[in-house]
Amino acid sequence: MILVSFLSSVSKPLMMAFNNSSWRLLHPSFFLMGIPGLEESQHWIALPLCILYLLAVMGNVSIIFIIWTDSSLHQPMYLFLAMLSGIDLVLASSTAPKTLAVLLVHAHEIGYTVCLIQMFFIHAFSSMESGVLVAMALDRYVAICHPLHHSTILHPGIIGRIGMAVLVRGLVLLLPFPILLQRLIFCRATIIGHAYCEHMAVVKLACSETTVNRAYGLAVALLVVGIDVVAIGISYGLILQTVLKVPGGEARLKAFSTCGSHICVILIFYIPGMFSFLTHRFGHHVPHHVHILLATLYLLVPPALNPLVYGVKTRQIRHRVMRVFSLKGQI
């Protein structure tokens, strides 16, 4: 009886301590479901995702290599394009390997720290990509509206500072995401109904107060996308105003054609991103597997298509690629 009462008195405080403690002490990992509702088709879904990832890696590495090795391409537009390709490489590589492992070999488990790191990289580099698109819109504005001063306004020093500002903004704004998640208590199931660690998907698992996390996530999304879209809109509004003043339809068409690649990249990036963001918070009637699939494609389609868009629409890069392949053919 004495032993039983002793064990009972010891076990009660221990149970209370475990119940009040953070989930991380009890469950050191999350469980990624992949694409819920499409479990039987996940192997087939992995095939196009794998192709997109390979395209993203090969295309962006090629863009970076071409710009790096060709001194004639060391101009603002191409330097910003190299930044975009570097960001796309990180963004795709932060998502695709683990997603493909979940879909192909059922490697569903992901460590708590690894999950936070993946989440930070995905959101931080998405913010950086948006910032680079603003910088590219600025470059098009200066090139069309102030062509005689293009090289003096956007000299290498300014380009470096813009790149650093984009990097710092992404790191500073998104670093609170994992920090704020550290204070949450996860005492329910740790199953993430997603193919990767997305911020809101992790926040929804917490059984403690998440108002700060939700409010900060919404504020960052609206701040980054709002400011960047407005800046891009102003740039293209001024470009349109200038182009319409140019006499001759051929000259106007040529001016517009220089913006074609950038406009395609903007649409590829922002439209799926906004759809994913809105459905995660407000799209309760959108099937869950549709949202997960689109959210995964959003992180792989832009990195895969951006090099193809610029390769097809940008004459200098297209000619350089053709020259490389013609040399290989001769060898």
Protein backbone atom coordinates (compact mmCIF):
# COMPACT_ATOMS: atom_id res chain seq x y z
CA MET A 1 0.00 0.00 0.00
CA ILE A 2 2.83 2.34 0.85
CA LEU A 3 4.51 1.55 -2.47
CA VAL A 4 1.28 2.10 -4.42
CA SER A 5 0.58 5.44 -2.73
CA PHE A 6 4.18 6.50 -3.38
CA LEU A 7 3.95 5.62 -7.10
CA SER A 8 0.60 7.38 -7.34
CA SER A 9 1.95 10.53 -5.75
CA VAL A 10 4.94 10.53 -8.11
CA SER A 11 3.00 9.69 -11.28
CA LYS A 12 0.41 12.47 -10.92
CA PRO A 13 2.92 15.35 -11.09
CA LEU A 14 4.73 13.59 -13.94
CA MET A 15 1.51 13.19 -15.92
CA MET A 16 0.63 16.84 -15.32
CA ALA A 17 4.10 17.87 -16.47
CA PHE A 18 3.78 15.80 -19.66
CA ASN A 19 0.29 17.13 -20.35
CA ASN A 20 1.41 20.74 -19.92
CA SER A 21 4.67 20.30 -21.78
CA SER A 22 5.32 21.03 -25.42
CA TRP A 23 4.53 18.40 -28.03
CA ARG A 24 8.19 18.43 -29.07
CA LEU A 25 9.19 16.55 -25.93
CA LEU A 26 6.86 13.67 -26.81
CA HIS A 27 6.73 13.61 -30.64
CA PRO A 28 9.98 14.63 -32.38
CA SER A 29 8.51 14.56 -35.89
CA PHE A 30 5.57 15.38 -38.13
CA PHE A 31 3.84 13.04 -40.58
CA LEU A 32 3.32 14.38 -44.11
CA MET A 33 0.28 12.77 -45.77
CA GLY A 34 1.19 13.79 -49.32
CA ILE A 35 -1.99 14.46 -51.31
CA PRO A 36 -4.96 13.31 -49.18
CA GLY A 37 -7.68 11.60 -51.18
CA LEU A 38 -5.35 10.61 -54.01
CA GLU A 39 -3.24 8.01 -52.20
CA GLU A 40 -3.71 5.37 -54.91
CA SER A 41 -2.59 7.80 -57.64
CA GLN A 42 0.37 9.35 -55.85
CA HIS A 43 2.97 7.33 -57.79
CA TRP A 44 1.55 8.65 -61.06
CA ILE A 45 1.32 12.20 -59.72
CA ALA A 46 4.99 12.00 -58.72
CA LEU A 47 6.05 11.46 -62.35
CA PRO A 48 5.11 14.95 -63.69
CA LEU A 49 6.39 16.52 -60.47
CA CYS A 50 9.73 14.78 -60.99
CA ILE A 51 9.86 16.01 -64.60
CA LEU A 52 9.10 19.57 -63.46
CA TYR A 53 11.89 19.38 -60.87
CA LEU A 54 14.42 18.09 -63.40
CA LEU A 55 13.41 20.86 -65.83
CA ALA A 56 13.78 23.42 -63.05
CA VAL A 57 17.28 22.22 -62.12
CA MET A 58 18.60 21.88 -65.66
CA GLY A 59 16.97 25.06 -66.93
CA ASN A 60 18.02 27.33 -64.09
CA VAL A 61 21.56 25.94 -63.90
CA SER A 62 21.84 26.55 -67.67
CA ILE A 63 20.60 30.14 -67.32
CA ILE A 64 23.05 30.89 -64.51
CA PHE A 65 25.94 29.27 -66.42
CA ILE A 66 25.17 31.13 -69.66
CA ILE A 67 24.93 34.52 -67.93
CA TRP A 68 28.01 33.84 -65.79
CA THR A 69 30.23 32.84 -68.71
CA ASP A 70 29.05 35.39 -71.30
CA SER A 71 30.31 38.89 -70.45
CA SER A 72 27.93 40.44 -73.01
CA LEU A 73 25.03 39.31 -70.79
CA HIS A 74 26.33 41.13 -67.69
CA GLN A 75 23.52 43.66 -68.01
CA PRO A 76 20.79 44.52 -65.47
CA MET A 77 18.04 42.38 -67.04
CA TYR A 78 20.23 39.27 -67.22
CA LEU A 79 21.76 39.78 -63.76
CA PHE A 80 18.26 39.95 -62.29
CA LEU A 81 17.39 36.85 -64.32
CA ALA A 82 20.39 35.04 -62.79
CA MET A 83 19.10 36.04 -59.32
CA LEU A 84 15.66 34.69 -60.23
CA SER A 85 17.17 31.40 -61.41
CA GLY A 86 19.18 31.02 -58.20
CA ILE A 87 16.06 31.61 -56.10
CA ASP A 88 14.07 29.16 -58.23
CA LEU A 89 16.72 26.49 -57.70
CA VAL A 90 16.51 26.87 -53.91
CA LEU A 91 12.70 27.03 -53.96
CA ALA A 92 12.30 23.89 -56.05
CA SER A 93 15.00 21.99 -54.14
CA SER A 94 13.41 22.91 -50.80
CA THR A 95 10.16 21.27 -51.87
CA ALA A 96 10.57 18.58 -54.52
CA PRO A 97 12.96 16.02 -52.91
CA LYS A 98 10.85 15.50 -49.78
CA THR A 99 7.56 15.67 -51.71
CA LEU A 100 8.78 13.02 -54.17
CA ALA A 101 10.02 10.87 -51.27
CA VAL A 102 6.56 11.06 -49.68
CA LEU A 103 4.76 10.19 -52.91
CA LEU A 104 7.13 7.51 -54.23
CA VAL A 105 8.62 5.67 -51.23
CA HIS A 106 6.18 6.74 -48.49
CA ALA A 107 8.85 8.55 -46.48
CA HIS A 108 6.14 10.47 -44.60
CA GLU A 109 8.06 11.33 -41.44
CA ILE A 110 9.85 14.67 -41.17
CA GLY A 111 11.69 15.96 -38.11
CA TYR A 112 10.39 18.99 -36.25
CA THR A 113 13.50 21.10 -36.95
CA VAL A 114 13.72 19.95 -40.57
CA CYS A 115 10.05 20.86 -41.03
CA LEU A 116 10.64 24.39 -39.69
CA ILE A 117 13.72 24.81 -41.91
CA GLN A 118 11.80 23.66 -45.01
CA MET A 119 8.90 25.98 -44.17
CA PHE A 120 11.26 28.94 -43.70
CA PHE A 121 13.09 28.34 -46.99
CA ILE A 122 9.86 27.94 -48.98
CA HIS A 123 8.26 31.12 -47.68
CA ALA A 124 11.44 33.22 -47.52
CA PHE A 125 12.51 32.41 -51.09
CA SER A 126 8.96 32.91 -52.39
CA SER A 127 9.18 36.42 -50.92
CA MET A 128 12.59 36.89 -52.56
CA GLU A 129 11.23 35.78 -55.94
CA SER A 130 8.46 38.37 -55.66
CA GLY A 131 11.09 41.01 -54.85
CA VAL A 132 13.20 40.08 -57.87
CA LEU A 133 10.13 40.37 -60.11
CA VAL A 134 9.72 43.94 -58.82
CA ALA A 135 13.38 44.64 -59.61
CA MET A 136 12.91 43.27 -63.13
CA ALA A 137 9.86 45.52 -63.61
CA LEU A 138 12.01 48.47 -62.50
CA ASP A 139 14.64 47.47 -65.05
CA ARG A 140 12.03 47.37 -67.85
CA TYR A 141 10.72 50.80 -66.76
CA VAL A 142 14.18 52.39 -66.86
CA ALA A 143 15.08 50.66 -70.16
CA ILE A 144 11.92 51.90 -71.92
CA CYS A 145 11.22 55.23 -70.22
CA HIS A 146 14.85 56.37 -69.69
CA PRO A 147 16.89 54.39 -72.24
CA LEU A 148 19.78 56.87 -72.41
CA HIS A 149 20.36 56.65 -68.65
CA HIS A 150 19.75 52.91 -68.23
CA SER A 151 23.37 51.94 -67.61
CA THR A 152 24.02 54.88 -65.28
CA ILE A 153 20.88 54.37 -63.17
CA LEU A 154 21.14 50.57 -62.90
CA HIS A 155 24.90 50.17 -62.58
CA PRO A 156 26.39 47.05 -60.94
CA GLY A 157 26.56 48.69 -57.50
CA ILE A 158 22.83 49.48 -57.52
CA ILE A 159 22.00 45.99 -58.79
CA GLY A 160 24.01 44.48 -55.94
CA ARG A 161 22.20 46.65 -53.39
CA ILE A 162 18.81 45.73 -54.83
CA GLY A 163 19.71 42.04 -54.63
CA MET A 164 20.87 42.46 -51.03
CA ALA A 165 17.67 44.33 -50.11
CA VAL A 166 15.55 41.52 -51.61
CA LEU A 167 17.55 38.92 -49.66
CA VAL A 168 17.38 40.79 -46.34
CA ARG A 169 13.65 41.48 -46.71
CA GLY A 170 12.91 37.79 -47.24
CA LEU A 171 15.03 36.71 -44.27
CA VAL A 172 13.81 39.38 -41.84
CA LEU A 173 10.09 39.08 -42.64
CA LEU A 174 9.99 35.27 -42.62
CA LEU A 175 12.37 34.50 -39.73
CA PRO A 176 9.54 35.07 -37.18
CA PHE A 177 7.58 32.17 -38.74
CA PRO A 178 9.67 29.37 -37.13
CA ILE A 179 10.33 31.50 -34.03
CA LEU A 180 6.61 32.00 -33.37
CA LEU A 181 5.95 28.30 -34.00
CA GLN A 182 8.39 27.44 -31.21
CA ARG A 183 5.95 28.82 -28.63
CA LEU A 184 3.03 26.65 -29.78
CA ILE A 185 1.97 23.45 -28.05
CA PHE A 186 1.10 20.47 -30.23
CA CYS A 187 -0.95 18.04 -28.15
CA ARG A 188 -3.14 16.57 -30.91
CA ALA A 189 -2.32 14.48 -33.95
CA THR A 190 0.85 15.63 -35.70
CA ILE A 191 -0.33 14.63 -39.17
CA ILE A 192 0.10 17.39 -41.77
CA GLY A 193 -2.42 17.05 -44.60
CA HIS A 194 0.12 18.36 -47.10
CA ALA A 195 3.04 17.24 -49.25
CA TYR A 196 5.48 19.64 -47.53
CA CYS A 197 5.66 21.80 -44.40
CA GLU A 198 3.48 24.79 -45.17
CA HIS A 199 3.09 27.48 -42.49
CA MET A 200 -0.69 27.45 -42.05
CA ALA A 201 -0.84 23.64 -42.29
CA VAL A 202 1.51 23.42 -39.27
CA VAL A 203 -0.23 26.22 -37.35
CA LYS A 204 -3.59 24.45 -37.65
CA LEU A 205 -2.19 21.44 -35.73
CA ALA A 206 -1.51 23.47 -32.57
CA CYS A 207 -3.92 23.24 -29.64
CA SER A 208 -2.65 26.45 -28.06
CA GLU A 209 -3.53 30.01 -29.08
CA THR A 210 -2.48 30.70 -32.69
CA THR A 211 -3.91 34.19 -33.23
CA VAL A 212 -0.45 35.80 -33.38
CA ASN A 213 0.82 33.23 -35.90
CA ARG A 214 -2.23 33.58 -38.13
CA ALA A 215 -2.23 37.39 -37.95
CA TYR A 216 1.50 37.66 -38.68
CA GLY A 217 1.28 35.19 -41.59
CA LEU A 218 -1.62 37.11 -43.12
CA ALA A 219 0.13 40.46 -42.57
CA VAL A 220 3.35 39.28 -44.23
CA ALA A 221 1.48 37.83 -47.23
CA LEU A 222 -0.56 40.98 -47.75
CA LEU A 223 2.46 43.24 -47.19
CA VAL A 224 4.80 41.41 -49.57
CA VAL A 225 2.29 40.68 -52.33
CA GLY A 226 0.45 44.00 -51.91
CA ILE A 227 3.54 46.21 -52.11
CA ASP A 228 5.15 44.16 -54.88
CA VAL A 229 2.04 43.97 -57.08
CA VAL A 230 1.43 47.72 -56.67
CA ALA A 231 5.08 48.46 -57.56
CA ILE A 232 4.90 46.23 -60.64
CA GLY A 233 1.57 47.78 -61.63
CA ILE A 234 2.98 51.32 -61.34
CA SER A 235 6.04 50.36 -63.39
CA TYR A 236 3.97 48.89 -66.21
CA GLY A 237 1.48 51.76 -66.04
CA LEU A 238 4.33 54.20 -66.68
CA ILE A 239 5.72 51.91 -69.40
CA LEU A 240 2.33 51.80 -71.13
CA GLN A 241 2.02 55.57 -70.92
CA THR A 242 5.45 56.01 -72.52
CA VAL A 243 4.95 53.39 -75.23
CA LEU A 244 1.61 54.86 -76.33
CA LYS A 245 3.39 58.14 -77.01
CA VAL A 246 5.85 56.45 -79.39
CA PRO A 247 4.92 57.09 -83.05
CA GLY A 248 4.63 54.05 -85.27
CA GLY A 249 3.05 50.66 -84.54
CA GLU A 250 6.27 48.71 -85.14
CA ALA A 251 8.19 50.73 -82.53
CA ARG A 252 5.40 50.19 -80.00
CA LEU A 253 5.34 46.45 -80.70
CA LYS A 254 9.10 46.23 -80.21
CA ALA A 255 8.86 48.08 -76.90
CA PHE A 256 6.07 45.79 -75.69
CA SER A 257 7.94 42.66 -76.83
CA THR A 258 10.82 43.47 -74.44
CA CYS A 259 8.34 43.08 -71.56
CA GLY A 260 6.70 39.88 -72.81
CA SER A 261 8.92 37.42 -70.93
CA HIS A 262 8.61 39.32 -67.67
CA ILE A 263 4.82 39.56 -67.90
CA CYS A 264 4.58 35.79 -68.52
CA VAL A 265 6.77 35.08 -65.45
CA ILE A 266 4.67 37.44 -63.31
CA LEU A 267 1.44 35.68 -64.29
CA ILE A 268 2.97 32.22 -63.73
CA PHE A 269 4.12 33.22 -60.23
CA TYR A 270 1.31 35.35 -58.81
CA ILE A 271 -1.90 33.72 -60.11
CA PRO A 272 -1.33 30.19 -58.66
CA GLY A 273 0.22 31.73 -55.52
CA MET A 274 -2.78 33.93 -54.80
CA PHE A 275 -5.17 31.05 -55.47
CA SER A 276 -3.25 28.80 -53.05
CA PHE A 277 -3.12 31.52 -50.39
CA LEU A 278 -6.83 32.37 -50.60
CA THR A 279 -8.06 28.77 -50.67
CA HIS A 280 -5.93 27.90 -47.62
CA ARG A 281 -7.67 30.58 -45.57
CA PHE A 282 -11.07 31.07 -47.15
CA GLY A 283 -11.66 28.28 -49.68
CA HIS A 284 -13.52 25.87 -47.42
CA HIS A 285 -15.53 24.50 -50.36
CA VAL A 286 -12.45 23.73 -52.50
CA PRO A 287 -11.61 19.97 -52.32
CA HIS A 288 -8.55 19.47 -50.12
CA HIS A 289 -6.66 17.36 -52.65
CA VAL A 290 -7.16 20.05 -55.32
CA HIS A 291 -5.68 22.70 -53.03
CA ILE A 292 -2.69 20.50 -52.06
CA LEU A 293 -1.96 19.60 -55.67
CA LEU A 294 -2.12 23.24 -56.82
CA ALA A 295 -0.01 24.40 -53.87
CA THR A 296 2.67 21.85 -54.79
CA LEU A 297 2.56 22.80 -58.48
CA TYR A 298 2.85 26.47 -57.51
CA LEU A 299 6.33 25.79 -56.09
CA LEU A 300 7.51 23.72 -59.08
CA VAL A 301 5.83 25.17 -62.18
CA PRO A 302 7.40 28.69 -62.06
CA PRO A 303 10.98 27.37 -61.54
CA ALA A 304 10.45 24.91 -64.42
CA LEU A 305 8.83 27.36 -66.84
CA ASN A 306 10.83 30.53 -66.15
CA PRO A 307 13.99 29.33 -67.98
CA LEU A 308 11.85 28.11 -70.91
CA VAL A 309 10.01 31.45 -71.13
CA TYR A 310 13.23 33.47 -71.11
CA GLY A 311 15.00 30.96 -73.35
CA VAL A 312 12.29 31.21 -76.01
CA LYS A 313 11.50 34.93 -75.78
CA THR A 314 14.98 36.37 -75.12
CA ARG A 315 17.05 36.44 -78.31
CA GLN A 316 20.49 36.64 -76.67
CA ILE A 317 19.91 33.62 -74.41
CA ARG A 318 18.25 31.65 -77.23
CA HIS A 319 21.22 32.27 -79.54
CA ARG A 320 23.71 31.32 -76.82
CA VAL A 321 21.89 28.04 -76.12
CA MET A 322 21.79 27.24 -79.85
CA ARG A 323 25.50 28.02 -80.11
CA VAL A 324 26.29 25.63 -77.23
CA PHE A 325 24.26 22.81 -78.81
CA SER A 326 25.81 23.43 -82.24
CA LEU A 327 29.30 23.15 -80.72
CA LYS A 328 28.34 19.88 -79.04
CA GLY A 329 27.02 18.60 -82.37
CA GLN A 330 30.34 19.37 -84.06
CA ILE A 331 32.23 17.56 -81.31
